[in-house]
């Protein structure tokens, strides 16, 4: 599974900012993209959607 890349869309419901990133799934089932927090400071209330890239 290490080689599978995902297109990850992260949306912030507080400021409505949207980020489109690429990443991998880790052993815990979480997506590793390098994203830390939204520009408004939100770290916890994020909507995350991921699709497998071909």
Protein backbone atom coordinates (compact mmCIF):
# COMPACT_ATOMS: atom_id res chain seq x y z
CA UNK A 1 0.00 0.00 0.00
CA UNK A 2 2.96 2.33 0.35
CA UNK A 3 3.01 3.09 -3.39
CA UNK A 4 -0.65 4.09 -3.69
CA UNK A 5 -1.15 7.84 -4.07
CA UNK A 6 -4.35 9.61 -3.12
CA UNK A 7 -5.82 12.93 -4.18
CA UNK A 8 -6.91 14.48 -0.88
CA UNK A 9 -9.36 17.39 -0.70
CA UNK A 10 -9.43 19.18 2.65
CA UNK A 11 -12.17 21.72 3.36
CA UNK A 12 -12.40 24.04 6.35
CA UNK A 13 -16.01 24.63 7.46
CA UNK A 14 -14.99 27.70 9.46
CA UNK A 15 -13.49 29.87 6.71
CA UNK A 16 -14.53 27.75 3.67
CA UNK A 17 -10.95 27.40 2.41
CA UNK A 18 -10.23 24.36 0.21
CA UNK A 19 -6.93 22.53 -0.24
CA UNK A 20 -6.15 19.88 -2.87
CA UNK A 21 -3.13 17.75 -1.98
CA UNK A 22 -1.57 14.41 -2.81
CA UNK A 23 -0.55 11.89 -0.23
CA UNK A 24 -0.27 8.31 0.98
CA UNK A 25 -2.15 6.30 3.58
CA UNK A 26 -0.15 5.39 6.67
CA UNK A 27 -0.42 2.19 8.76
CA UNK A 28 -3.19 3.78 10.88
CA UNK A 29 -5.41 4.48 7.84
CA UNK A 30 -4.75 8.23 7.93
CA UNK A 31 -3.69 10.29 4.93
CA UNK A 32 -0.17 11.72 5.02
CA UNK A 33 -0.06 14.96 3.02
CA UNK A 34 2.05 17.28 5.14
CA UNK A 35 -1.02 19.43 5.89
CA UNK A 36 -0.99 20.80 9.43
CA UNK A 37 -3.74 23.45 9.73
CA UNK A 38 -5.88 25.88 7.78
CA UNK A 39 -4.83 29.50 7.29
CA UNK A 40 -7.54 30.49 9.81
CA UNK A 41 -5.85 28.31 12.48
CA UNK A 42 -8.36 25.45 12.40
CA UNK A 43 -6.67 22.08 13.04
CA UNK A 44 -9.52 19.85 14.19
CA UNK A 45 -12.76 20.57 12.33
CA UNK A 46 -11.72 19.64 8.80
CA UNK A 47 -13.65 17.75 6.13
CA UNK A 48 -11.38 15.29 4.32
CA UNK A 49 -12.19 13.43 1.09
CA UNK A 50 -9.73 11.15 -0.68
CA UNK A 51 -9.74 9.30 -3.99
CA UNK A 52 -7.17 6.87 -5.28
CA UNK A 53 -5.09 8.21 -8.18
CA UNK A 54 -4.64 6.00 -11.19
